[in-house]
Each structure stands twice: as structure tokens, then as C-alpha cells.
Amino acid sequence: MSPELNYQMMQSRVDELHAAAAHQRQVAEARKARVSERGGRTRAFFARLRTA
């Protein structure tokens, strides 16, 4: 396999990983937003209380 093709395949794989990571962050943010909407007490909330 040519180095160029190898590099392109690696790049597309990296792009996929970045997209997946960005999606995971969005999902986490949305979940946090939903929890705070119903006044939920998440672990993050308690962690903030302890550090404050």
C-alpha cells in the first residue's frame, strides 16, 4: 500500500474518532441539561458543592 493511501486512511479514521468524541460530548451536555431541568442532583452537582 502506498504511503499516501495509508495516510489518507489514517486521517479518515482520526476524523471518525473526532466526530465520535464530539458526539459523546454533545450527548453528555444534553443529559446534564435534562437533569438540571428537572432539578436533579447529579454526581457532578455534588462534586461542585464539595469543591465550592
PDB file of N, CA and C in Angstrom:
ATOM      1  N   MET A   1       0.852  -1.195   0.000  1.00  0.00           N
ATOM      2  CA  MET A   1       0.000   0.000   0.000  1.00  0.00           C
ATOM      3  C   MET A   1       0.888   1.246   0.000  1.00  0.00           C
ATOM      4  N   SER A   2       0.483   2.177  -0.807  1.00  0.00           N
ATOM      5  CA  SER A   2       1.305   3.395  -0.886  1.00  0.00           C
ATOM      6  C   SER A   2       1.183   4.211   0.393  1.00  0.00           C
ATOM      7  N   PRO A   3       2.234   4.922   0.742  1.00  0.00           N
ATOM      8  CA  PRO A   3       2.194   5.757   1.959  1.00  0.00           C
ATOM      9  C   PRO A   3       1.053   6.770   1.918  1.00  0.00           C
ATOM     10  N   GLU A   4       0.782   7.322   0.715  1.00  0.00           N
ATOM     11  CA  GLU A   4      -0.288   8.324   0.607  1.00  0.00           C
ATOM     12  C   GLU A   4      -1.634   7.717   0.993  1.00  0.00           C
ATOM     13  N   LEU A   5      -1.900   6.533   0.440  1.00  0.00           N
ATOM     14  CA  LEU A   5      -3.180   5.883   0.722  1.00  0.00           C
ATOM     15  C   LEU A   5      -3.272   5.545   2.206  1.00  0.00           C
ATOM     16  N   ASN A   6      -2.165   5.044   2.741  1.00  0.00           N
ATOM     17  CA  ASN A   6      -2.117   4.705   4.158  1.00  0.00           C
ATOM     18  C   ASN A   6      -2.439   5.928   5.005  1.00  0.00           C
ATOM     19  N   TYR A   7      -1.841   7.060   4.640  1.00  0.00           N
ATOM     20  CA  TYR A   7      -2.041   8.304   5.382  1.00  0.00           C
ATOM     21  C   TYR A   7      -3.499   8.751   5.297  1.00  0.00           C
ATOM     22  N   GLN A   8      -4.073   8.659   4.093  1.00  0.00           N
ATOM     23  CA  GLN A   8      -5.474   9.059   3.920  1.00  0.00           C
ATOM     24  C   GLN A   8      -6.395   8.210   4.788  1.00  0.00           C
ATOM     25  N   MET A   9      -6.124   6.913   4.837  1.00  0.00           N
ATOM     26  CA  MET A   9      -6.958   6.024   5.646  1.00  0.00           C
ATOM     27  C   MET A   9      -6.834   6.395   7.120  1.00  0.00           C
ATOM     28  N   MET A  10      -5.606   6.692   7.537  1.00  0.00           N
ATOM     29  CA  MET A  10      -5.399   7.096   8.929  1.00  0.00           C
ATOM     30  C   MET A  10      -6.167   8.376   9.231  1.00  0.00           C
ATOM     31  N   GLN A  11      -6.077   9.348   8.307  1.00  0.00           N
ATOM     32  CA  GLN A  11      -6.758  10.623   8.510  1.00  0.00           C
ATOM     33  C   GLN A  11      -8.265  10.427   8.647  1.00  0.00           C
ATOM     34  N   SER A  12      -8.852   9.604   7.782  1.00  0.00           N
ATOM     35  CA  SER A  12     -10.297   9.412   7.856  1.00  0.00           C
ATOM     36  C   SER A  12     -10.665   8.729   9.167  1.00  0.00           C
ATOM     37  N   ARG A  13      -9.804   7.838   9.635  1.00  0.00           N
ATOM     38  CA  ARG A  13     -10.050   7.171  10.917  1.00  0.00           C
ATOM     39  C   ARG A  13     -10.011   8.202  12.052  1.00  0.00           C
ATOM     40  N   VAL A  14      -9.022   9.086  11.999  1.00  0.00           N
ATOM     41  CA  VAL A  14      -8.890  10.128  13.019  1.00  0.00           C
ATOM     42  C   VAL A  14     -10.117  11.034  13.000  1.00  0.00           C
ATOM     43  N   ASP A  15     -10.562  11.378  11.784  1.00  0.00           N
ATOM     44  CA  ASP A  15     -11.752  12.224  11.661  1.00  0.00           C
ATOM     45  C   ASP A  15     -12.959  11.538  12.290  1.00  0.00           C
ATOM     46  N   GLU A  16     -13.087  10.234  12.055  1.00  0.00           N
ATOM     47  CA  GLU A  16     -14.203   9.485  12.636  1.00  0.00           C
ATOM     48  C   GLU A  16     -14.140   9.541  14.158  1.00  0.00           C
ATOM     49  N   LEU A  17     -12.945   9.337  14.697  1.00  0.00           N
ATOM     50  CA  LEU A  17     -12.786   9.362  16.152  1.00  0.00           C
ATOM     51  C   LEU A  17     -13.153  10.726  16.713  1.00  0.00           C
ATOM     52  N   HIS A  18     -12.716  11.784  16.025  1.00  0.00           N
ATOM     53  CA  HIS A  18     -13.029  13.138  16.484  1.00  0.00           C
ATOM     54  C   HIS A  18     -14.533  13.378  16.462  1.00  0.00           C
ATOM     55  N   ALA A  19     -15.185  12.927  15.389  1.00  0.00           N
ATOM     56  CA  ALA A  19     -16.631  13.102  15.277  1.00  0.00           C
ATOM     57  C   ALA A  19     -17.334  12.343  16.395  1.00  0.00           C
ATOM     58  N   ALA A  20     -16.870  11.125  16.677  1.00  0.00           N
ATOM     59  CA  ALA A  20     -17.477  10.329  17.737  1.00  0.00           C
ATOM     60  C   ALA A  20     -17.297  11.011  19.088  1.00  0.00           C
ATOM     61  N   ALA A  21     -16.113  11.550  19.332  1.00  0.00           N
ATOM     62  CA  ALA A  21     -15.845  12.223  20.602  1.00  0.00           C
ATOM     63  C   ALA A  21     -16.725  13.457  20.748  1.00  0.00           C
ATOM     64  N   ALA A  22     -16.864  14.221  19.668  1.00  0.00           N
ATOM     65  CA  ALA A  22     -17.704  15.417  19.706  1.00  0.00           C
ATOM     66  C   ALA A  22     -19.147  15.026  20.000  1.00  0.00           C
ATOM     67  N   HIS A  23     -19.591  13.924  19.384  1.00  0.00           N
ATOM     68  CA  HIS A  23     -20.961  13.463  19.610  1.00  0.00           C
ATOM     69  C   HIS A  23     -21.144  13.058  21.070  1.00  0.00           C
ATOM     70  N   GLN A  24     -20.164  12.360  21.622  1.00  0.00           N
ATOM     71  CA  GLN A  24     -20.251  11.950  23.026  1.00  0.00           C
ATOM     72  C   GLN A  24     -20.385  13.170  23.927  1.00  0.00           C
ATOM     73  N   ARG A  25     -19.600  14.215  23.637  1.00  0.00           N
ATOM     74  CA  ARG A  25     -19.689  15.443  24.433  1.00  0.00           C
ATOM     75  C   ARG A  25     -21.078  16.047  24.343  1.00  0.00           C
ATOM     76  N   GLN A  26     -21.636  16.086  23.119  1.00  0.00           N
ATOM     77  CA  GLN A  26     -22.978  16.648  22.937  1.00  0.00           C
ATOM     78  C   GLN A  26     -23.996  15.858  23.739  1.00  0.00           C
ATOM     79  N   VAL A  27     -23.886  14.540  23.686  1.00  0.00           N
ATOM     80  CA  VAL A  27     -24.815  13.684  24.423  1.00  0.00           C
ATOM     81  C   VAL A  27     -24.702  13.970  25.917  1.00  0.00           C
ATOM     82  N   ALA A  28     -23.470  14.090  26.408  1.00  0.00           N
ATOM     83  CA  ALA A  28     -23.260  14.351  27.835  1.00  0.00           C
ATOM     84  C   ALA A  28     -23.849  15.702  28.224  1.00  0.00           C
ATOM     85  N   GLU A  29     -23.625  16.719  27.387  1.00  0.00           N
ATOM     86  CA  GLU A  29     -24.169  18.048  27.675  1.00  0.00           C
ATOM     87  C   GLU A  29     -25.690  17.998  27.719  1.00  0.00           C
ATOM     88  N   ALA A  30     -26.291  17.325  26.740  1.00  0.00           N
ATOM     89  CA  ALA A  30     -27.749  17.236  26.677  1.00  0.00           C
ATOM     90  C   ALA A  30     -28.288  16.536  27.920  1.00  0.00           C
ATOM     91  N   ARG A  31     -27.601  15.480  28.348  1.00  0.00           N
ATOM     92  CA  ARG A  31     -28.051  14.744  29.530  1.00  0.00           C
ATOM     93  C   ARG A  31     -27.985  15.655  30.756  1.00  0.00           C
ATOM     94  N   LYS A  32     -26.882  16.399  30.878  1.00  0.00           N
ATOM     95  CA  LYS A  32     -26.743  17.320  32.010  1.00  0.00           C
ATOM     96  C   LYS A  32     -27.869  18.348  31.996  1.00  0.00           C
ATOM     97  N   ALA A  33     -28.162  18.886  30.803  1.00  0.00           N
ATOM     98  CA  ALA A  33     -29.208  19.904  30.680  1.00  0.00           C
ATOM     99  C   ALA A  33     -30.549  19.322  31.124  1.00  0.00           C
ATOM    100  N   ARG A  34     -30.856  18.104  30.682  1.00  0.00           N
ATOM    101  CA  ARG A  34     -32.131  17.483  31.054  1.00  0.00           C
ATOM    102  C   ARG A  34     -32.210  17.281  32.561  1.00  0.00           C
ATOM    103  N   VAL A  35     -31.124  16.834  33.148  1.00  0.00           N
ATOM    104  CA  VAL A  35     -31.116  16.579  34.591  1.00  0.00           C
ATOM    105  C   VAL A  35     -31.350  17.874  35.358  1.00  0.00           C
ATOM    106  N   SER A  36     -30.687  18.953  34.933  1.00  0.00           N
ATOM    107  CA  SER A  36     -30.846  20.215  35.654  1.00  0.00           C
ATOM    108  C   SER A  36     -32.252  20.768  35.450  1.00  0.00           C
ATOM    109  N   GLU A  37     -32.864  20.450  34.310  1.00  0.00           N
ATOM    110  CA  GLU A  37     -34.226  20.919  34.053  1.00  0.00           C
ATOM    111  C   GLU A  37     -35.191  20.388  35.102  1.00  0.00           C
ATOM    112  N   ARG A  38     -35.044  19.104  35.450  1.00  0.00           N
ATOM    113  CA  ARG A  38     -35.981  18.583  36.442  1.00  0.00           C
ATOM    114  C   ARG A  38     -35.414  18.728  37.852  1.00  0.00           C
ATOM    115  N   GLY A  39     -34.419  19.615  37.995  1.00  0.00           N
ATOM    116  CA  GLY A  39     -33.864  19.874  39.314  1.00  0.00           C
ATOM    117  C   GLY A  39     -33.165  18.673  39.908  1.00  0.00           C
ATOM    118  N   GLY A  40     -32.620  17.824  39.044  1.00  0.00           N
ATOM    119  CA  GLY A  40     -31.960  16.616  39.525  1.00  0.00           C
ATOM    120  C   GLY A  40     -30.644  16.916  40.215  1.00  0.00           C
ATOM    121  N   ARG A  41     -30.270  16.044  41.114  1.00  0.00           N
ATOM    122  CA  ARG A  41     -28.988  16.196  41.798  1.00  0.00           C
ATOM    123  C   ARG A  41     -28.039  15.145  41.234  1.00  0.00           C
ATOM    124  N   THR A  42     -27.168  15.577  40.351  1.00  0.00           N
ATOM    125  CA  THR A  42     -26.237  14.633  39.740  1.00  0.00           C
ATOM    126  C   THR A  42     -24.959  14.546  40.564  1.00  0.00           C
ATOM    127  N   ARG A  43     -24.128  13.572  40.210  1.00  0.00           N
ATOM    128  CA  ARG A  43     -22.830  13.456  40.881  1.00  0.00           C
ATOM    129  C   ARG A  43     -22.022  14.716  40.656  1.00  0.00           C
ATOM    130  N   ALA A  44     -22.125  15.277  39.448  1.00  0.00           N
ATOM    131  CA  ALA A  44     -21.380  16.500  39.134  1.00  0.00           C
ATOM    132  C   ALA A  44     -21.837  17.627  40.048  1.00  0.00           C
ATOM    133  N   PHE A  45     -23.141  17.665  40.307  1.00  0.00           N
ATOM    134  CA  PHE A  45     -23.688  18.708  41.175  1.00  0.00           C
ATOM    135  C   PHE A  45     -23.070  18.610  42.572  1.00  0.00           C
ATOM    136  N   PHE A  46     -23.046  17.394  43.109  1.00  0.00           N
ATOM    137  CA  PHE A  46     -22.483  17.213  44.445  1.00  0.00           C
ATOM    138  C   PHE A  46     -20.983  17.485  44.453  1.00  0.00           C
ATOM    139  N   ALA A  47     -20.315  17.125  43.360  1.00  0.00           N
ATOM    140  CA  ALA A  47     -18.877  17.393  43.265  1.00  0.00           C
ATOM    141  C   ALA A  47     -18.639  18.901  43.307  1.00  0.00           C
ATOM    142  N   ARG A  48     -19.481  19.655  42.599  1.00  0.00           N
ATOM    143  CA  ARG A  48     -19.343  21.115  42.621  1.00  0.00           C
ATOM    144  C   ARG A  48     -19.585  21.647  44.024  1.00  0.00           C
ATOM    145  N   LEU A  49     -20.549  21.083  44.731  1.00  0.00           N
ATOM    146  CA  LEU A  49     -20.838  21.526  46.098  1.00  0.00           C
ATOM    147  C   LEU A  49     -19.604  21.337  46.981  1.00  0.00           C
ATOM    148  N   ARG A  50     -18.983  20.153  46.850  1.00  0.00           N
ATOM    149  CA  ARG A  50     -17.829  19.852  47.696  1.00  0.00           C
ATOM    150  C   ARG A  50     -16.655  20.773  47.386  1.00  0.00           C
ATOM    151  N   THR A  51     -16.455  21.089  46.094  1.00  0.00           N
ATOM    152  CA  THR A  51     -15.284  21.888  45.737  1.00  0.00           C
ATOM    153  C   THR A  51     -15.513  23.366  46.013  1.00  0.00           C
ATOM    154  N   ALA A  52     -16.773  23.793  46.072  1.00  0.00           N
ATOM    155  CA  ALA A  52     -17.069  25.218  46.269  1.00  0.00           C
ATOM    156  C   ALA A  52     -16.645  25.669  47.665  1.00  0.00           C
TER     157      ALA A  52
END
